[in-house]
PDB file of N, CA and C in Angstrom:
ATOM      1  N   UNK A   1     -39.148 -27.752  -6.101  1.00  0.00           N
ATOM      2  CA  UNK A   1     -38.274 -27.169  -5.122  1.00  0.00           C
ATOM      3  C   UNK A   1     -37.126 -26.462  -5.840  1.00  0.00           C
ATOM      4  N   UNK A   2     -36.878 -25.254  -5.460  1.00  0.00           N
ATOM      5  CA  UNK A   2     -35.822 -24.467  -6.086  1.00  0.00           C
ATOM      6  C   UNK A   2     -34.540 -24.580  -5.260  1.00  0.00           C
ATOM      7  N   UNK A   3     -33.408 -24.883  -5.936  1.00  0.00           N
ATOM      8  CA  UNK A   3     -32.166 -24.956  -5.162  1.00  0.00           C
ATOM      9  C   UNK A   3     -31.775 -23.564  -4.656  1.00  0.00           C
ATOM     10  N   UNK A   4     -31.280 -23.550  -3.475  1.00  0.00           N
ATOM     11  CA  UNK A   4     -30.833 -22.267  -2.916  1.00  0.00           C
ATOM     12  C   UNK A   4     -29.314 -22.279  -2.828  1.00  0.00           C
ATOM     13  N   UNK A   5     -28.754 -21.154  -3.109  1.00  0.00           N
ATOM     14  CA  UNK A   5     -27.297 -21.065  -2.987  1.00  0.00           C
ATOM     15  C   UNK A   5     -26.957 -20.408  -1.661  1.00  0.00           C
ATOM     16  N   UNK A   6     -25.877 -20.852  -1.117  1.00  0.00           N
ATOM     17  CA  UNK A   6     -25.440 -20.275   0.148  1.00  0.00           C
ATOM     18  C   UNK A   6     -24.778 -18.930  -0.120  1.00  0.00           C
ATOM     19  N   UNK A   7     -24.966 -17.990   0.787  1.00  0.00           N
ATOM     20  CA  UNK A   7     -24.296 -16.704   0.592  1.00  0.00           C
ATOM     21  C   UNK A   7     -22.784 -16.904   0.667  1.00  0.00           C
ATOM     22  N   UNK A   8     -22.041 -16.057  -0.027  1.00  0.00           N
ATOM     23  CA  UNK A   8     -20.586 -16.207   0.012  1.00  0.00           C
ATOM     24  C   UNK A   8     -20.056 -15.996   1.430  1.00  0.00           C
ATOM     25  N   UNK A   9     -19.026 -16.740   1.737  1.00  0.00           N
ATOM     26  CA  UNK A   9     -18.388 -16.592   3.045  1.00  0.00           C
ATOM     27  C   UNK A   9     -17.647 -15.264   3.065  1.00  0.00           C
ATOM     28  N   UNK A  10     -17.918 -14.426   4.061  1.00  0.00           N
ATOM     29  CA  UNK A  10     -17.227 -13.145   4.096  1.00  0.00           C
ATOM     30  C   UNK A  10     -15.726 -13.339   4.324  1.00  0.00           C
ATOM     31  N   UNK A  11     -14.956 -12.540   3.632  1.00  0.00           N
ATOM     32  CA  UNK A  11     -13.510 -12.577   3.800  1.00  0.00           C
ATOM     33  C   UNK A  11     -13.158 -11.786   5.047  1.00  0.00           C
ATOM     34  N   UNK A  12     -12.389 -12.385   5.956  1.00  0.00           N
ATOM     35  CA  UNK A  12     -12.033 -11.633   7.157  1.00  0.00           C
ATOM     36  C   UNK A  12     -11.163 -10.425   6.806  1.00  0.00           C
ATOM     37  N   UNK A  13     -11.374  -9.349   7.514  1.00  0.00           N
ATOM     38  CA  UNK A  13     -10.590  -8.137   7.303  1.00  0.00           C
ATOM     39  C   UNK A  13      -9.190  -8.384   7.858  1.00  0.00           C
ATOM     40  N   UNK A  14      -8.158  -8.355   6.995  1.00  0.00           N
ATOM     41  CA  UNK A  14      -6.814  -8.657   7.476  1.00  0.00           C
ATOM     42  C   UNK A  14      -6.247  -7.583   8.406  1.00  0.00           C
ATOM     43  N   UNK A  15      -6.808  -6.406   8.327  1.00  0.00           N
ATOM     44  CA  UNK A  15      -6.328  -5.288   9.151  1.00  0.00           C
ATOM     45  C   UNK A  15      -7.522  -4.562   9.762  1.00  0.00           C
ATOM     46  N   UNK A  16      -8.211  -5.191  10.707  1.00  0.00           N
ATOM     47  CA  UNK A  16      -9.403  -4.561  11.264  1.00  0.00           C
ATOM     48  C   UNK A  16      -9.094  -3.207  11.890  1.00  0.00           C
ATOM     49  N   UNK A  17      -9.908  -2.232  11.535  1.00  0.00           N
ATOM     50  CA  UNK A  17      -9.763  -0.894  12.106  1.00  0.00           C
ATOM     51  C   UNK A  17      -8.618  -0.079  11.543  1.00  0.00           C
ATOM     52  N   UNK A  18      -7.946  -0.587  10.505  1.00  0.00           N
ATOM     53  CA  UNK A  18      -6.811   0.150   9.936  1.00  0.00           C
ATOM     54  C   UNK A  18      -7.274   1.436   9.275  1.00  0.00           C
ATOM     55  N   UNK A  19      -6.413   2.443   9.368  1.00  0.00           N
ATOM     56  CA  UNK A  19      -6.678   3.708   8.683  1.00  0.00           C
ATOM     57  C   UNK A  19      -5.734   3.820   7.492  1.00  0.00           C
ATOM     58  N   UNK A  20      -6.139   4.542   6.438  1.00  0.00           N
ATOM     59  CA  UNK A  20      -5.239   4.742   5.305  1.00  0.00           C
ATOM     60  C   UNK A  20      -4.021   5.577   5.722  1.00  0.00           C
ATOM     61  N   UNK A  21      -2.898   5.323   5.079  1.00  0.00           N
ATOM     62  CA  UNK A  21      -1.635   5.991   5.403  1.00  0.00           C
ATOM     63  C   UNK A  21      -1.759   7.517   5.418  1.00  0.00           C
ATOM     64  N   UNK A  22      -2.588   8.070   4.516  1.00  0.00           N
ATOM     65  CA  UNK A  22      -2.680   9.535   4.409  1.00  0.00           C
ATOM     66  C   UNK A  22      -3.535  10.167   5.505  1.00  0.00           C
ATOM     67  N   UNK A  23      -4.122   9.351   6.382  1.00  0.00           N
ATOM     68  CA  UNK A  23      -4.860   9.889   7.529  1.00  0.00           C
ATOM     69  C   UNK A  23      -4.066   9.763   8.831  1.00  0.00           C
ATOM     70  N   UNK A  24      -2.891   9.154   8.756  1.00  0.00           N
ATOM     71  CA  UNK A  24      -2.102   8.886   9.964  1.00  0.00           C
ATOM     72  C   UNK A  24      -1.752  10.158  10.727  1.00  0.00           C
ATOM     73  N   UNK A  25      -1.456  11.222  10.026  1.00  0.00           N
ATOM     74  CA  UNK A  25      -1.052  12.467  10.692  1.00  0.00           C
ATOM     75  C   UNK A  25      -2.145  12.992  11.620  1.00  0.00           C
ATOM     76  N   UNK A  26      -3.391  12.644  11.340  1.00  0.00           N
ATOM     77  CA  UNK A  26      -4.516  13.080  12.180  1.00  0.00           C
ATOM     78  C   UNK A  26      -4.663  12.235  13.448  1.00  0.00           C
ATOM     79  N   UNK A  27      -3.822  11.223  13.606  1.00  0.00           N
ATOM     80  CA  UNK A  27      -3.932  10.303  14.741  1.00  0.00           C
ATOM     81  C   UNK A  27      -2.647  10.266  15.573  1.00  0.00           C
ATOM     82  N   UNK A  28      -1.902  11.363  15.568  1.00  0.00           N
ATOM     83  CA  UNK A  28      -0.644  11.434  16.325  1.00  0.00           C
ATOM     84  C   UNK A  28      -0.880  11.096  17.793  1.00  0.00           C
ATOM     85  N   UNK A  29       0.017  10.292  18.344  1.00  0.00           N
ATOM     86  CA  UNK A  29      -0.075   9.899  19.741  1.00  0.00           C
ATOM     87  C   UNK A  29      -0.937   8.676  19.991  1.00  0.00           C
ATOM     88  N   UNK A  30      -1.630   8.207  18.971  1.00  0.00           N
ATOM     89  CA  UNK A  30      -2.517   7.054  19.130  1.00  0.00           C
ATOM     90  C   UNK A  30      -1.830   5.770  18.680  1.00  0.00           C
ATOM     91  N   UNK A  31      -2.148   4.678  19.376  1.00  0.00           N
ATOM     92  CA  UNK A  31      -1.713   3.370  18.899  1.00  0.00           C
ATOM     93  C   UNK A  31      -2.793   2.877  17.954  1.00  0.00           C
ATOM     94  N   UNK A  32      -2.395   2.583  16.724  1.00  0.00           N
ATOM     95  CA  UNK A  32      -3.367   2.302  15.679  1.00  0.00           C
ATOM     96  C   UNK A  32      -2.696   1.481  14.582  1.00  0.00           C
ATOM     97  N   UNK A  33      -3.485   0.929  13.683  1.00  0.00           N
ATOM     98  CA  UNK A  33      -2.955   0.217  12.522  1.00  0.00           C
ATOM     99  C   UNK A  33      -3.139   1.091  11.294  1.00  0.00           C
ATOM    100  N   UNK A  34      -2.083   1.195  10.510  1.00  0.00           N
ATOM    101  CA  UNK A  34      -2.074   1.998   9.284  1.00  0.00           C
ATOM    102  C   UNK A  34      -1.858   1.047   8.113  1.00  0.00           C
ATOM    103  N   UNK A  35      -2.612   1.264   7.030  1.00  0.00           N
ATOM    104  CA  UNK A  35      -2.465   0.443   5.832  1.00  0.00           C
ATOM    105  C   UNK A  35      -2.026   1.321   4.667  1.00  0.00           C
ATOM    106  N   UNK A  36      -1.124   0.781   3.854  1.00  0.00           N
ATOM    107  CA  UNK A  36      -0.674   1.511   2.676  1.00  0.00           C
ATOM    108  C   UNK A  36       0.367   0.718   1.912  1.00  0.00           C
ATOM    109  N   UNK A  37       0.642   1.172   0.696  1.00  0.00           N
ATOM    110  CA  UNK A  37       1.640   0.517  -0.144  1.00  0.00           C
ATOM    111  C   UNK A  37       3.015   1.119   0.119  1.00  0.00           C
ATOM    112  N   UNK A  38       4.015   0.245   0.240  1.00  0.00           N
ATOM    113  CA  UNK A  38       5.396   0.698   0.426  1.00  0.00           C
ATOM    114  C   UNK A  38       5.910   1.176  -0.930  1.00  0.00           C
ATOM    115  N   UNK A  39       6.108   2.492  -1.037  1.00  0.00           N
ATOM    116  CA  UNK A  39       6.529   3.114  -2.289  1.00  0.00           C
ATOM    117  C   UNK A  39       8.042   3.305  -2.364  1.00  0.00           C
ATOM    118  N   UNK A  40       8.686   3.261  -1.212  1.00  0.00           N
ATOM    119  CA  UNK A  40      10.110   3.566  -1.119  1.00  0.00           C
ATOM    120  C   UNK A  40      10.624   2.856   0.129  1.00  0.00           C
ATOM    121  N   UNK A  41      11.763   2.192   0.030  1.00  0.00           N
ATOM    122  CA  UNK A  41      12.321   1.470   1.175  1.00  0.00           C
ATOM    123  C   UNK A  41      13.838   1.592   1.141  1.00  0.00           C
ATOM    124  N   UNK A  42      14.403   2.017   2.267  1.00  0.00           N
ATOM    125  CA  UNK A  42      15.837   2.289   2.315  1.00  0.00           C
ATOM    126  C   UNK A  42      16.430   1.865   3.645  1.00  0.00           C
ATOM    127  N   UNK A  43      17.624   1.278   3.586  1.00  0.00           N
ATOM    128  CA  UNK A  43      18.413   1.030   4.789  1.00  0.00           C
ATOM    129  C   UNK A  43      19.541   2.043   4.786  1.00  0.00           C
ATOM    130  N   UNK A  44      19.532   2.949   5.736  1.00  0.00           N
ATOM    131  CA  UNK A  44      20.574   3.976   5.847  1.00  0.00           C
ATOM    132  C   UNK A  44      21.708   3.403   6.697  1.00  0.00           C
ATOM    133  N   UNK A  45      22.446   2.461   6.133  1.00  0.00           N
ATOM    134  CA  UNK A  45      23.449   1.700   6.880  1.00  0.00           C
ATOM    135  C   UNK A  45      24.614   2.541   7.386  1.00  0.00           C
ATOM    136  N   UNK A  46      24.840   3.698   6.786  1.00  0.00           N
ATOM    137  CA  UNK A  46      25.946   4.544   7.246  1.00  0.00           C
ATOM    138  C   UNK A  46      25.483   5.656   8.188  1.00  0.00           C
ATOM    139  N   UNK A  47      24.194   5.742   8.445  1.00  0.00           N
ATOM    140  CA  UNK A  47      23.661   6.759   9.362  1.00  0.00           C
ATOM    141  C   UNK A  47      23.703   6.249  10.798  1.00  0.00           C
ATOM    142  N   UNK A  48      23.722   7.178  11.743  1.00  0.00           N
ATOM    143  CA  UNK A  48      23.712   6.808  13.158  1.00  0.00           C
ATOM    144  C   UNK A  48      22.460   5.978  13.465  1.00  0.00           C
ATOM    145  N   UNK A  49      22.627   4.869  14.133  1.00  0.00           N
ATOM    146  CA  UNK A  49      21.507   3.995  14.465  1.00  0.00           C
ATOM    147  C   UNK A  49      21.118   3.050  13.345  1.00  0.00           C
ATOM    148  N   UNK A  50      21.714   3.235  12.160  1.00  0.00           N
ATOM    149  CA  UNK A  50      21.471   2.386  10.983  1.00  0.00           C
ATOM    150  C   UNK A  50      19.981   2.129  10.737  1.00  0.00           C
ATOM    151  N   UNK A  51      19.192   3.187  10.586  1.00  0.00           N
ATOM    152  CA  UNK A  51      17.746   3.009  10.429  1.00  0.00           C
ATOM    153  C   UNK A  51      17.340   2.443   9.070  1.00  0.00           C
ATOM    154  N   UNK A  52      16.221   1.743   9.083  1.00  0.00           N
ATOM    155  CA  UNK A  52      15.548   1.307   7.861  1.00  0.00           C
ATOM    156  C   UNK A  52      14.261   2.114   7.779  1.00  0.00           C
ATOM    157  N   UNK A  53      13.971   2.647   6.591  1.00  0.00           N
ATOM    158  CA  UNK A  53      12.765   3.445   6.372  1.00  0.00           C
ATOM    159  C   UNK A  53      11.903   2.777   5.316  1.00  0.00           C
ATOM    160  N   UNK A  54      10.625   2.601   5.636  1.00  0.00           N
ATOM    161  CA  UNK A  54       9.624   2.181   4.659  1.00  0.00           C
ATOM    162  C   UNK A  54       8.665   3.352   4.525  1.00  0.00           C
ATOM    163  N   UNK A  55       8.539   3.898   3.326  1.00  0.00           N
ATOM    164  CA  UNK A  55       7.650   5.041   3.112  1.00  0.00           C
ATOM    165  C   UNK A  55       6.389   4.575   2.409  1.00  0.00           C
ATOM    166  N   UNK A  56       5.257   4.806   3.057  1.00  0.00           N
ATOM    167  CA  UNK A  56       3.967   4.387   2.529  1.00  0.00           C
ATOM    168  C   UNK A  56       3.299   5.542   1.801  1.00  0.00           C
ATOM    169  N   UNK A  57       2.699   5.222   0.659  1.00  0.00           N
ATOM    170  CA  UNK A  57       1.880   6.193  -0.057  1.00  0.00           C
ATOM    171  C   UNK A  57       2.623   7.153  -0.947  1.00  0.00           C
ATOM    172  N   UNK A  58       3.849   7.510  -0.611  1.00  0.00           N
ATOM    173  CA  UNK A  58       4.646   8.455  -1.395  1.00  0.00           C
ATOM    174  C   UNK A  58       6.119   8.201  -1.082  1.00  0.00           C
ATOM    175  N   UNK A  59       6.982   8.633  -1.981  1.00  0.00           N
ATOM    176  CA  UNK A  59       8.413   8.416  -1.785  1.00  0.00           C
ATOM    177  C   UNK A  59       9.046   9.581  -1.033  1.00  0.00           C
ATOM    178  N   UNK A  60      10.159   9.291  -0.377  1.00  0.00           N
ATOM    179  CA  UNK A  60      10.950  10.334   0.265  1.00  0.00           C
ATOM    180  C   UNK A  60      11.475  11.253  -0.827  1.00  0.00           C
ATOM    181  N   UNK A  61      11.431  12.557  -0.687  1.00  0.00           N
ATOM    182  CA  UNK A  61      11.158  13.367   0.499  1.00  0.00           C
ATOM    183  C   UNK A  61       9.744  13.956   0.564  1.00  0.00           C
ATOM    184  N   UNK A  62       8.784  13.373  -0.125  1.00  0.00           N
ATOM    185  CA  UNK A  62       7.420  13.912  -0.103  1.00  0.00           C
ATOM    186  C   UNK A  62       6.953  14.056   1.349  1.00  0.00           C
ATOM    187  N   UNK A  63       6.600  15.279   1.770  1.00  0.00           N
ATOM    188  CA  UNK A  63       6.213  15.487   3.169  1.00  0.00           C
ATOM    189  C   UNK A  63       4.899  14.801   3.542  1.00  0.00           C
ATOM    190  N   UNK A  64       4.121  14.375   2.565  1.00  0.00           N
ATOM    191  CA  UNK A  64       2.849  13.729   2.855  1.00  0.00           C
ATOM    192  C   UNK A  64       2.955  12.235   3.093  1.00  0.00           C
ATOM    193  N   UNK A  65       4.143  11.673   2.927  1.00  0.00           N
ATOM    194  CA  UNK A  65       4.309  10.222   3.084  1.00  0.00           C
ATOM    195  C   UNK A  65       4.120   9.814   4.546  1.00  0.00           C
ATOM    196  N   UNK A  66       3.897   8.523   4.769  1.00  0.00           N
ATOM    197  CA  UNK A  66       3.883   7.960   6.119  1.00  0.00           C
ATOM    198  C   UNK A  66       5.115   7.076   6.225  1.00  0.00           C
ATOM    199  N   UNK A  67       5.946   7.321   7.233  1.00  0.00           N
ATOM    200  CA  UNK A  67       7.215   6.611   7.359  1.00  0.00           C
ATOM    201  C   UNK A  67       7.175   5.581   8.476  1.00  0.00           C
ATOM    202  N   UNK A  68       7.618   4.381   8.143  1.00  0.00           N
ATOM    203  CA  UNK A  68       7.819   3.327   9.131  1.00  0.00           C
ATOM    204  C   UNK A  68       9.326   3.277   9.383  1.00  0.00           C
ATOM    205  N   UNK A  69       9.706   3.409  10.639  1.00  0.00           N
ATOM    206  CA  UNK A  69      11.113   3.472  11.038  1.00  0.00           C
ATOM    207  C   UNK A  69      11.489   2.232  11.838  1.00  0.00           C
ATOM    208  N   UNK A  70      12.606   1.621  11.466  1.00  0.00           N
ATOM    209  CA  UNK A  70      13.148   0.487  12.221  1.00  0.00           C
ATOM    210  C   UNK A  70      14.617   0.753  12.490  1.00  0.00           C
ATOM    211  N   UNK A  71      15.010   0.706  13.751  1.00  0.00           N
ATOM    212  CA  UNK A  71      16.419   0.825  14.100  1.00  0.00           C
ATOM    213  C   UNK A  71      17.099  -0.523  13.885  1.00  0.00           C
ATOM    214  N   UNK A  72      18.413  -0.549  13.953  1.00  0.00           N
ATOM    215  CA  UNK A  72      19.195  -1.740  13.610  1.00  0.00           C
ATOM    216  C   UNK A  72      18.768  -2.990  14.388  1.00  0.00           C
ATOM    217  N   UNK A  73      18.484  -2.860  15.686  1.00  0.00           N
ATOM    218  CA  UNK A  73      18.074  -4.037  16.468  1.00  0.00           C
ATOM    219  C   UNK A  73      16.788  -4.648  15.922  1.00  0.00           C
ATOM    220  N   UNK A  74      15.847  -3.806  15.539  1.00  0.00           N
ATOM    221  CA  UNK A  74      14.582  -4.295  14.980  1.00  0.00           C
ATOM    222  C   UNK A  74      14.812  -4.929  13.614  1.00  0.00           C
ATOM    223  N   UNK A  75      15.672  -4.323  12.817  1.00  0.00           N
ATOM    224  CA  UNK A  75      15.960  -4.826  11.471  1.00  0.00           C
ATOM    225  C   UNK A  75      16.391  -6.288  11.510  1.00  0.00           C
ATOM    226  N   UNK A  76      17.252  -6.617  12.458  1.00  0.00           N
ATOM    227  CA  UNK A  76      17.792  -7.972  12.523  1.00  0.00           C
ATOM    228  C   UNK A  76      16.799  -8.994  13.065  1.00  0.00           C
ATOM    229  N   UNK A  77      15.646  -8.563  13.490  1.00  0.00           N
ATOM    230  CA  UNK A  77      14.607  -9.500  13.942  1.00  0.00           C
ATOM    231  C   UNK A  77      13.804 -10.069  12.765  1.00  0.00           C
ATOM    232  N   UNK A  78      13.967  -9.476  11.582  1.00  0.00           N
ATOM    233  CA  UNK A  78      13.254  -9.948  10.393  1.00  0.00           C
ATOM    234  C   UNK A  78      14.060 -11.060   9.718  1.00  0.00           C
ATOM    235  N   UNK A  79      13.362 -11.946   9.008  1.00  0.00           N
ATOM    236  CA  UNK A  79      14.015 -13.064   8.321  1.00  0.00           C
ATOM    237  C   UNK A  79      14.829 -12.626   7.112  1.00  0.00           C
ATOM    238  N   UNK A  80      14.522 -11.468   6.581  1.00  0.00           N
ATOM    239  CA  UNK A  80      15.214 -10.913   5.415  1.00  0.00           C
ATOM    240  C   UNK A  80      15.217  -9.393   5.581  1.00  0.00           C
ATOM    241  N   UNK A  81      16.030  -8.689   4.804  1.00  0.00           N
ATOM    242  CA  UNK A  81      16.039  -7.231   4.916  1.00  0.00           C
ATOM    243  C   UNK A  81      14.634  -6.652   4.675  1.00  0.00           C
ATOM    244  N   UNK A  82      14.143  -5.831   5.611  1.00  0.00           N
ATOM    245  CA  UNK A  82      12.785  -5.283   5.474  1.00  0.00           C
ATOM    246  C   UNK A  82      12.553  -4.539   4.160  1.00  0.00           C
ATOM    247  N   UNK A  83      13.575  -3.837   3.663  1.00  0.00           N
ATOM    248  CA  UNK A  83      13.382  -3.099   2.410  1.00  0.00           C
ATOM    249  C   UNK A  83      13.147  -4.051   1.242  1.00  0.00           C
ATOM    250  N   UNK A  84      13.633  -5.283   1.338  1.00  0.00           N
ATOM    251  CA  UNK A  84      13.371  -6.282   0.300  1.00  0.00           C
ATOM    252  C   UNK A  84      12.042  -7.001   0.548  1.00  0.00           C
ATOM    253  N   UNK A  85      11.748  -7.281   1.805  1.00  0.00           N
ATOM    254  CA  UNK A  85      10.504  -7.983   2.153  1.00  0.00           C
ATOM    255  C   UNK A  85       9.253  -7.202   1.758  1.00  0.00           C
ATOM    256  N   UNK A  86       9.290  -5.878   1.948  1.00  0.00           N
ATOM    257  CA  UNK A  86       8.058  -5.094   1.860  1.00  0.00           C
ATOM    258  C   UNK A  86       7.958  -4.140   0.670  1.00  0.00           C
ATOM    259  N   UNK A  87       9.043  -3.881  -0.058  1.00  0.00           N
ATOM    260  CA  UNK A  87       9.006  -2.920  -1.158  1.00  0.00           C
ATOM    261  C   UNK A  87       7.914  -3.282  -2.166  1.00  0.00           C
ATOM    262  N   UNK A  88       7.050  -2.301  -2.456  1.00  0.00           N
ATOM    263  CA  UNK A  88       5.985  -2.467  -3.434  1.00  0.00           C
ATOM    264  C   UNK A  88       4.741  -3.163  -2.913  1.00  0.00           C
ATOM    265  N   UNK A  89       4.789  -3.662  -1.692  1.00  0.00           N
ATOM    266  CA  UNK A  89       3.648  -4.399  -1.138  1.00  0.00           C
ATOM    267  C   UNK A  89       2.766  -3.496  -0.285  1.00  0.00           C
ATOM    268  N   UNK A  90       1.507  -3.883  -0.193  1.00  0.00           N
ATOM    269  CA  UNK A  90       0.605  -3.226   0.743  1.00  0.00           C
ATOM    270  C   UNK A  90       0.829  -3.881   2.099  1.00  0.00           C
ATOM    271  N   UNK A  91       1.014  -3.044   3.111  1.00  0.00           N
ATOM    272  CA  UNK A  91       1.281  -3.544   4.459  1.00  0.00           C
ATOM    273  C   UNK A  91       0.333  -2.904   5.460  1.00  0.00           C
ATOM    274  N   UNK A  92       0.166  -3.589   6.577  1.00  0.00           N
ATOM    275  CA  UNK A  92      -0.550  -3.047   7.727  1.00  0.00           C
ATOM    276  C   UNK A  92       0.468  -2.977   8.857  1.00  0.00           C
ATOM    277  N   UNK A  93       0.626  -1.797   9.419  1.00  0.00           N
ATOM    278  CA  UNK A  93       1.633  -1.563  10.448  1.00  0.00           C
ATOM    279  C   UNK A  93       0.928  -1.072  11.704  1.00  0.00           C
ATOM    280  N   UNK A  94       1.234  -1.700  12.833  1.00  0.00           N
ATOM    281  CA  UNK A  94       0.588  -1.335  14.091  1.00  0.00           C
ATOM    282  C   UNK A  94       1.611  -0.771  15.066  1.00  0.00           C
ATOM    283  N   UNK A  95       1.249   0.359  15.668  1.00  0.00           N
ATOM    284  CA  UNK A  95       2.112   1.009  16.648  1.00  0.00           C
ATOM    285  C   UNK A  95       1.577   2.392  16.960  1.00  0.00           C
ATOM    286  N   UNK A  96       2.408   3.197  17.602  1.00  0.00           N
ATOM    287  CA  UNK A  96       2.012   4.552  17.974  1.00  0.00           C
ATOM    288  C   UNK A  96       2.509   5.540  16.929  1.00  0.00           C
ATOM    289  N   UNK A  97       1.610   6.373  16.456  1.00  0.00           N
ATOM    290  CA  UNK A  97       1.961   7.377  15.448  1.00  0.00           C
ATOM    291  C   UNK A  97       2.612   8.571  16.131  1.00  0.00           C
ATOM    292  N   UNK A  98       3.736   8.977  15.569  1.00  0.00           N
ATOM    293  CA  UNK A  98       4.469  10.144  16.055  1.00  0.00           C
ATOM    294  C   UNK A  98       4.615  11.135  14.913  1.00  0.00           C
ATOM    295  N   UNK A  99       4.856  12.384  15.268  1.00  0.00           N
ATOM    296  CA  UNK A  99       5.131  13.408  14.261  1.00  0.00           C
ATOM    297  C   UNK A  99       6.616  13.735  14.330  1.00  0.00           C
ATOM    298  N   UNK A 100       7.268  13.685  13.180  1.00  0.00           N
ATOM    299  CA  UNK A 100       8.691  14.017  13.081  1.00  0.00           C
ATOM    300  C   UNK A 100       8.876  14.892  11.853  1.00  0.00           C
ATOM    301  N   UNK A 101       9.406  16.093  12.060  1.00  0.00           N
ATOM    302  CA  UNK A 101       9.604  17.055  10.958  1.00  0.00           C
ATOM    303  C   UNK A 101       8.333  17.225  10.127  1.00  0.00           C
ATOM    304  N   UNK A 102       7.233  17.427  10.804  1.00  0.00           N
ATOM    305  CA  UNK A 102       5.921  17.688  10.199  1.00  0.00           C
ATOM    306  C   UNK A 102       5.322  16.504   9.445  1.00  0.00           C
ATOM    307  N   UNK A 103       5.899  15.326   9.579  1.00  0.00           N
ATOM    308  CA  UNK A 103       5.349  14.150   8.918  1.00  0.00           C
ATOM    309  C   UNK A 103       5.006  13.075   9.937  1.00  0.00           C
ATOM    310  N   UNK A 104       4.115  12.179   9.544  1.00  0.00           N
ATOM    311  CA  UNK A 104       3.701  11.090  10.434  1.00  0.00           C
ATOM    312  C   UNK A 104       4.643   9.907  10.266  1.00  0.00           C
ATOM    313  N   UNK A 105       4.998   9.294  11.403  1.00  0.00           N
ATOM    314  CA  UNK A 105       5.838   8.106  11.356  1.00  0.00           C
ATOM    315  C   UNK A 105       5.477   7.167  12.494  1.00  0.00           C
ATOM    316  N   UNK A 106       5.963   5.940  12.368  1.00  0.00           N
ATOM    317  CA  UNK A 106       5.735   4.926  13.388  1.00  0.00           C
ATOM    318  C   UNK A 106       7.011   4.098  13.509  1.00  0.00           C
ATOM    319  N   UNK A 107       7.438   3.879  14.732  1.00  0.00           N
ATOM    320  CA  UNK A 107       8.610   3.043  14.962  1.00  0.00           C
ATOM    321  C   UNK A 107       8.165   1.602  15.161  1.00  0.00           C
ATOM    322  N   UNK A 108       8.815   0.696  14.453  1.00  0.00           N
ATOM    323  CA  UNK A 108       8.530  -0.728  14.552  1.00  0.00           C
ATOM    324  C   UNK A 108       9.704  -1.403  15.252  1.00  0.00           C
ATOM    325  N   UNK A 109       9.393  -2.221  16.256  1.00  0.00           N
ATOM    326  CA  UNK A 109      10.432  -2.936  16.996  1.00  0.00           C
ATOM    327  C   UNK A 109      10.424  -4.436  16.729  1.00  0.00           C
ATOM    328  N   UNK A 110       9.261  -4.966  16.313  1.00  0.00           N
ATOM    329  CA  UNK A 110       9.117  -6.412  16.143  1.00  0.00           C
ATOM    330  C   UNK A 110       8.412  -6.737  14.825  1.00  0.00           C
ATOM    331  N   UNK A 111       8.797  -7.845  14.173  1.00  0.00           N
ATOM    332  CA  UNK A 111       8.177  -8.217  12.901  1.00  0.00           C
ATOM    333  C   UNK A 111       6.658  -8.337  12.957  1.00  0.00           C
ATOM    334  N   UNK A 112       6.099  -8.741  14.088  1.00  0.00           N
ATOM    335  CA  UNK A 112       4.653  -8.893  14.198  1.00  0.00           C
ATOM    336  C   UNK A 112       3.879  -7.596  14.054  1.00  0.00           C
ATOM    337  N   UNK A 113       4.576  -6.473  14.080  1.00  0.00           N
ATOM    338  CA  UNK A 113       3.903  -5.182  13.909  1.00  0.00           C
ATOM    339  C   UNK A 113       3.584  -4.887  12.448  1.00  0.00           C
ATOM    340  N   UNK A 114       4.185  -5.634  11.521  1.00  0.00           N
ATOM    341  CA  UNK A 114       3.944  -5.419  10.088  1.00  0.00           C
ATOM    342  C   UNK A 114       3.417  -6.713   9.491  1.00  0.00           C
ATOM    343  N   UNK A 115       2.268  -6.617   8.819  1.00  0.00           N
ATOM    344  CA  UNK A 115       1.760  -7.779   8.091  1.00  0.00           C
ATOM    345  C   UNK A 115       1.467  -7.380   6.655  1.00  0.00           C
ATOM    346  N   UNK A 116       1.543  -8.366   5.770  1.00  0.00           N
ATOM    347  CA  UNK A 116       1.164  -8.182   4.371  1.00  0.00           C
ATOM    348  C   UNK A 116      -0.174  -8.888   4.223  1.00  0.00           C
ATOM    349  N   UNK A 117      -1.250  -8.119   4.058  1.00  0.00           N
ATOM    350  CA  UNK A 117      -2.577  -8.759   3.994  1.00  0.00           C
ATOM    351  C   UNK A 117      -2.768  -9.596   2.730  1.00  0.00           C
TER     352      UNK A 117
END
């Protein structure tokens, strides 16, 4: 009798249906999950609305980047500053893709919209 090995257990997809950050612009107006590495993260604390920006795939001002935008109310819902939590990490972000100044972006209101797979 020959021993049989069990097939490896498949790893669950942490971001099912996610699209790469550089395809986000083709999905404007859609609610979708985008995956990419945070290349640049900034809190514009002196700007109106005190936005936090996470740029996936490329750094600001590269027009091809995908930007995750969080206003001050959303920022304070995180356990730590988002620019520190996510800088350099691959993230999956879920929400509606919008076009702003010819680039794709997504506004995040709640921590559950961003996961680190």
